[in-house]
Amino acid sequence: MPPAEQPVGLAVSYAQPALRPAATTLEGRFVRLTPPNPGVDAADLFPVVSGAENAGLWTYLFNGPFTSEESLAAELAKTAGLADPVFLAIRDAATGRAIGRASYMRIEPNHRVIEVGSILFSPLLQRTPAATEAMHLMARYVFEDLGYRRYEWKCDALNAPSRAAALRFGFRFEGVFLKHMIVKGRSRDTAWFAMTDEDWPRVKAAFERWLEPANFDAGGRQTRRLEDIRAEL
């Protein structure tokens, strides 16, 4: 026991390590997340993530852009099956087509901390209910199936859309690590966000209410914002 005058953190009543994410399938109404299929996924993704009009998709990612379907397939094959990061393909639930991907990374089962990262939302996925559902499914798996206490989101501090997305999805801003990385030859300050197992019940309830069919009009537009629903809970 430490001396009484020294402050220490709360005792962790459940100290068993969390589980590592596995090659699993997460099913939703709009999307299905599955282990990668590099050749098929590259064929699906390359037409919608390549070209000058999509160069901005890759600015803040560690790799890309790719100039051919073959080079994208090679990258997907290199990262498929890794223990950390663990990539999942994000597929349209109706067609099975890959429309994005994301990963669990910096996995620390002993501390029960895990990060979501290397997120690629193609234009077919951006600003859709499917994108929100994908993030809901990944968070639910982390907290409810794997037993993590902390779920992190990190991004380049200059990446305003990613920072806004983190807040929208229920992560809390924690600060900026200056000169944290060198990415593609440029200095990166990293913005840190996280949600905890205590946050999850409210975050989950907001996701579920936002995703209800009644929250969308005939044109598929939301009637209530995710942030507003969460604030009311």
Protein backbone atom coordinates (compact mmCIF):
# COMPACT_ATOMS: atom_id res chain seq x y z
CA MET A 1 0.00 0.00 0.00
CA PRO A 2 1.28 3.53 -0.77
CA PRO A 3 1.64 6.01 2.10
CA ALA A 4 -1.66 7.67 3.00
CA GLU A 5 -0.46 11.14 1.97
CA GLN A 6 0.24 10.07 -1.64
CA PRO A 7 -2.74 10.30 -4.00
CA VAL A 8 -3.29 7.27 -6.22
CA GLY A 9 -5.84 6.24 -8.80
CA LEU A 10 -8.93 4.24 -8.00
CA ALA A 11 -8.45 0.50 -7.64
CA VAL A 12 -9.56 -1.43 -10.72
CA SER A 13 -12.03 -4.02 -9.57
CA TYR A 14 -11.87 -5.94 -12.84
CA ALA A 15 -8.21 -6.23 -13.82
CA GLN A 16 -8.45 -9.07 -16.33
CA PRO A 17 -7.00 -8.10 -19.74
CA ALA A 18 -9.37 -7.24 -22.54
CA LEU A 19 -9.65 -9.51 -25.56
CA ARG A 20 -7.84 -8.79 -28.78
CA PRO A 21 -10.07 -7.96 -31.75
CA ALA A 22 -10.48 -10.95 -34.04
CA ALA A 23 -11.27 -11.50 -37.69
CA THR A 24 -14.96 -10.95 -37.12
CA THR A 25 -18.09 -9.72 -38.88
CA LEU A 26 -20.15 -6.87 -37.45
CA GLU A 27 -23.65 -6.67 -38.90
CA GLY A 28 -25.75 -3.53 -39.22
CA ARG A 29 -28.74 -2.33 -41.20
CA PHE A 30 -26.68 -0.23 -43.62
CA VAL A 31 -23.23 -1.81 -43.44
CA ARG A 32 -21.43 -5.04 -42.69
CA LEU A 33 -17.86 -4.94 -41.41
CA THR A 34 -15.79 -7.98 -42.32
CA PRO A 35 -12.18 -9.13 -42.53
CA PRO A 36 -10.49 -7.74 -45.65
CA ASN A 37 -10.55 -9.48 -49.03
CA PRO A 38 -7.70 -7.52 -50.65
CA GLY A 39 -8.25 -8.25 -54.34
CA VAL A 40 -12.00 -7.82 -54.22
CA ASP A 41 -11.81 -4.79 -51.93
CA ALA A 42 -9.26 -3.06 -54.18
CA ALA A 43 -11.50 -3.60 -57.20
CA ASP A 44 -14.42 -2.08 -55.30
CA LEU A 45 -12.53 0.83 -53.78
CA PHE A 46 -10.04 1.95 -56.41
CA PRO A 47 -12.57 3.57 -58.78
CA VAL A 48 -14.02 5.68 -55.95
CA VAL A 49 -10.86 6.62 -54.01
CA SER A 50 -8.42 7.33 -56.85
CA GLY A 51 -7.79 10.29 -59.10
CA ALA A 52 -7.10 13.95 -58.44
CA GLU A 53 -10.66 14.52 -57.24
CA ASN A 54 -10.08 12.10 -54.36
CA ALA A 55 -6.52 13.11 -53.42
CA GLY A 56 -7.83 14.73 -50.24
CA LEU A 57 -8.90 11.34 -48.89
CA TRP A 58 -5.23 10.43 -48.41
CA THR A 59 -3.70 13.67 -47.10
CA TYR A 60 -3.77 12.66 -43.43
CA LEU A 61 -3.48 8.88 -43.83
CA PHE A 62 -0.15 7.11 -43.42
CA ASN A 63 -0.24 5.71 -46.97
CA GLY A 64 -1.66 6.50 -50.39
CA PRO A 65 -2.79 7.79 -52.73
CA PHE A 66 -2.47 4.82 -55.06
CA THR A 67 -2.04 5.10 -58.80
CA SER A 68 -3.34 1.66 -59.74
CA GLU A 69 -5.73 -0.98 -58.50
CA GLU A 70 -2.78 -3.36 -58.20
CA SER A 71 -0.84 -1.06 -55.89
CA LEU A 72 -3.92 -0.60 -53.70
CA ALA A 73 -4.48 -4.38 -53.63
CA ALA A 74 -0.86 -4.87 -52.58
CA GLU A 75 -1.28 -2.44 -49.68
CA LEU A 76 -4.52 -4.11 -48.59
CA ALA A 77 -2.84 -7.51 -48.74
CA LYS A 78 0.12 -6.28 -46.69
CA THR A 79 -2.13 -5.07 -43.88
CA ALA A 80 -4.67 -7.91 -43.96
CA GLY A 81 -4.25 -10.42 -41.15
CA LEU A 82 -2.02 -8.27 -38.95
CA ALA A 83 -2.39 -8.55 -35.18
CA ASP A 84 -2.08 -4.76 -34.79
CA PRO A 85 -3.57 -2.94 -36.58
CA VAL A 86 -6.60 -5.14 -37.26
CA PHE A 87 -8.35 -3.89 -40.39
CA LEU A 88 -12.00 -4.36 -41.26
CA ALA A 89 -13.60 -3.71 -44.64
CA ILE A 90 -16.76 -1.61 -44.49
CA ARG A 91 -19.27 -3.07 -46.93
CA ASP A 92 -22.62 -1.91 -48.17
CA ALA A 93 -25.09 -4.27 -46.49
CA ALA A 94 -27.27 -4.58 -49.60
CA THR A 95 -24.59 -5.16 -52.23
CA GLY A 96 -21.58 -6.42 -50.28
CA ARG A 97 -19.40 -3.86 -52.05
CA ALA A 98 -16.46 -2.43 -50.06
CA ILE A 99 -17.06 1.29 -49.57
CA GLY A 100 -14.43 1.98 -46.92
CA ARG A 101 -12.23 0.50 -44.25
CA ALA A 102 -11.06 1.16 -40.70
CA SER A 103 -8.84 -0.50 -38.14
CA TYR A 104 -8.36 -1.21 -34.48
CA MET A 105 -4.82 -0.17 -33.60
CA ARG A 106 -2.41 0.51 -30.71
CA ILE A 107 -4.09 -2.38 -28.95
CA GLU A 108 -3.23 -2.67 -25.24
CA PRO A 109 -5.26 -5.55 -23.73
CA ASN A 110 -3.52 -5.37 -20.34
CA HIS A 111 -4.51 -1.73 -19.91
CA ARG A 112 -7.78 -2.28 -21.79
CA VAL A 113 -7.08 0.57 -24.22
CA ILE A 114 -7.65 0.45 -27.97
CA GLU A 115 -7.79 2.98 -30.81
CA VAL A 116 -9.83 3.28 -33.99
CA GLY A 117 -7.77 4.62 -36.86
CA SER A 118 -6.64 4.53 -40.48
CA ILE A 119 -10.24 5.29 -41.41
CA LEU A 120 -10.96 5.53 -45.12
CA PHE A 121 -14.49 6.59 -46.02
CA SER A 122 -15.00 6.59 -49.78
CA PRO A 123 -17.38 9.20 -51.25
CA LEU A 124 -20.00 6.43 -51.27
CA LEU A 125 -19.77 6.28 -47.46
CA GLN A 126 -19.08 9.87 -46.42
CA ARG A 127 -21.89 11.76 -44.68
CA THR A 128 -24.25 8.78 -44.77
CA PRO A 129 -26.08 6.83 -42.06
CA ALA A 130 -23.84 3.92 -43.05
CA ALA A 131 -20.72 5.80 -41.89
CA THR A 132 -22.26 6.51 -38.49
CA GLU A 133 -23.46 2.93 -38.16
CA ALA A 134 -19.97 1.62 -38.92
CA MET A 135 -18.52 3.65 -36.05
CA HIS A 136 -21.34 2.51 -33.76
CA LEU A 137 -20.67 -1.15 -34.57
CA MET A 138 -16.93 -0.80 -33.97
CA ALA A 139 -17.40 0.95 -30.62
CA ARG A 140 -20.02 -1.56 -29.46
CA TYR A 141 -17.67 -4.44 -30.23
CA VAL A 142 -14.86 -2.77 -28.24
CA PHE A 143 -16.87 -2.16 -25.09
CA GLU A 144 -19.42 -4.97 -25.05
CA ASP A 145 -17.57 -7.91 -26.59
CA LEU A 146 -13.89 -7.23 -25.96
CA GLY A 147 -14.03 -5.52 -22.57
CA TYR A 148 -11.99 -2.35 -23.12
CA ARG A 149 -12.13 0.62 -20.73
CA ARG A 150 -10.89 3.28 -23.14
CA TYR A 151 -11.46 3.79 -26.87
CA GLU A 152 -9.25 6.38 -28.58
CA TRP A 153 -9.41 8.48 -31.73
CA LYS A 154 -6.31 10.36 -32.85
CA CYS A 155 -5.78 12.52 -35.90
CA ASP A 156 -3.58 15.22 -37.36
CA ALA A 157 -4.45 18.35 -35.42
CA LEU A 158 -4.94 20.15 -38.77
CA ASN A 159 -7.53 17.60 -39.92
CA ALA A 160 -10.66 19.59 -39.11
CA PRO A 161 -13.15 17.06 -40.57
CA SER A 162 -11.67 14.23 -38.47
CA ARG A 163 -11.75 16.35 -35.33
CA ALA A 164 -15.38 17.23 -35.97
CA ALA A 165 -16.24 13.58 -36.63
CA ALA A 166 -14.65 12.48 -33.35
CA LEU A 167 -16.80 14.92 -31.39
CA ARG A 168 -19.92 13.99 -33.32
CA PHE A 169 -19.40 10.29 -32.60
CA GLY A 170 -19.10 10.94 -28.85
CA PHE A 171 -15.34 11.10 -28.27
CA ARG A 172 -14.07 13.81 -25.94
CA PHE A 173 -11.14 16.07 -26.88
CA GLU A 174 -8.18 15.60 -24.54
CA GLY A 175 -5.44 17.76 -26.03
CA VAL A 176 -2.72 18.04 -28.68
CA PHE A 177 0.66 16.29 -28.68
CA LEU A 178 3.10 18.66 -30.40
CA LYS A 179 5.54 17.26 -32.98
CA HIS A 180 4.15 13.80 -32.25
CA MET A 181 4.98 12.22 -35.63
CA ILE A 182 6.60 12.73 -39.01
CA VAL A 183 4.12 11.61 -41.67
CA LYS A 184 4.90 11.73 -45.37
CA GLY A 185 7.85 14.00 -44.62
CA ARG A 186 5.79 16.54 -42.67
CA SER A 187 5.59 17.30 -38.96
CA ARG A 188 2.35 16.21 -37.35
CA ASP A 189 0.81 17.52 -34.16
CA THR A 190 -1.74 14.94 -33.00
CA ALA A 191 -5.15 15.72 -31.51
CA TRP A 192 -6.27 13.10 -28.98
CA PHE A 193 -9.88 12.10 -28.31
CA ALA A 194 -11.32 9.25 -26.25
CA MET A 195 -14.46 7.72 -24.82
CA THR A 196 -14.54 5.41 -21.82
CA ASP A 197 -16.69 2.56 -20.65
CA GLU A 198 -18.51 5.05 -18.40
CA ASP A 199 -19.33 7.19 -21.46
CA TRP A 200 -20.49 4.25 -23.54
CA PRO A 201 -24.09 3.76 -22.28
CA ARG A 202 -25.05 7.33 -23.23
CA VAL A 203 -23.07 7.25 -26.48
CA LYS A 204 -24.67 3.92 -27.39
CA ALA A 205 -28.20 5.13 -26.64
CA ALA A 206 -27.64 8.18 -28.86
CA PHE A 207 -26.33 6.06 -31.71
CA GLU A 208 -29.33 3.74 -31.48
CA ARG A 209 -31.88 6.56 -31.41
CA TRP A 210 -30.20 8.40 -34.26
CA LEU A 211 -30.14 5.26 -36.41
CA GLU A 212 -33.85 4.53 -35.94
CA PRO A 213 -35.77 4.72 -39.25
CA ALA A 214 -38.07 7.35 -37.73
CA ASN A 215 -35.11 9.75 -37.53
CA PHE A 216 -34.92 10.02 -41.32
CA ASP A 217 -37.30 11.69 -43.74
CA ALA A 218 -38.43 10.28 -47.08
CA GLY A 219 -35.23 11.57 -48.69
CA GLY A 220 -33.02 9.84 -46.13
CA ARG A 221 -32.07 13.07 -44.33
CA GLN A 222 -31.74 13.11 -40.56
CA THR A 223 -34.42 14.89 -38.58
CA ARG A 224 -32.36 15.14 -35.37
CA ARG A 225 -28.59 15.46 -35.06
CA LEU A 226 -26.60 12.83 -33.21
CA GLU A 227 -25.02 15.46 -30.97
CA ASP A 228 -28.43 16.84 -29.98
CA ILE A 229 -29.78 13.41 -29.10
CA ARG A 230 -26.72 12.65 -26.97
CA ALA A 231 -26.96 16.02 -25.18
CA GLU A 232 -30.52 15.26 -24.16
CA LEU A 233 -29.71 11.89 -22.62
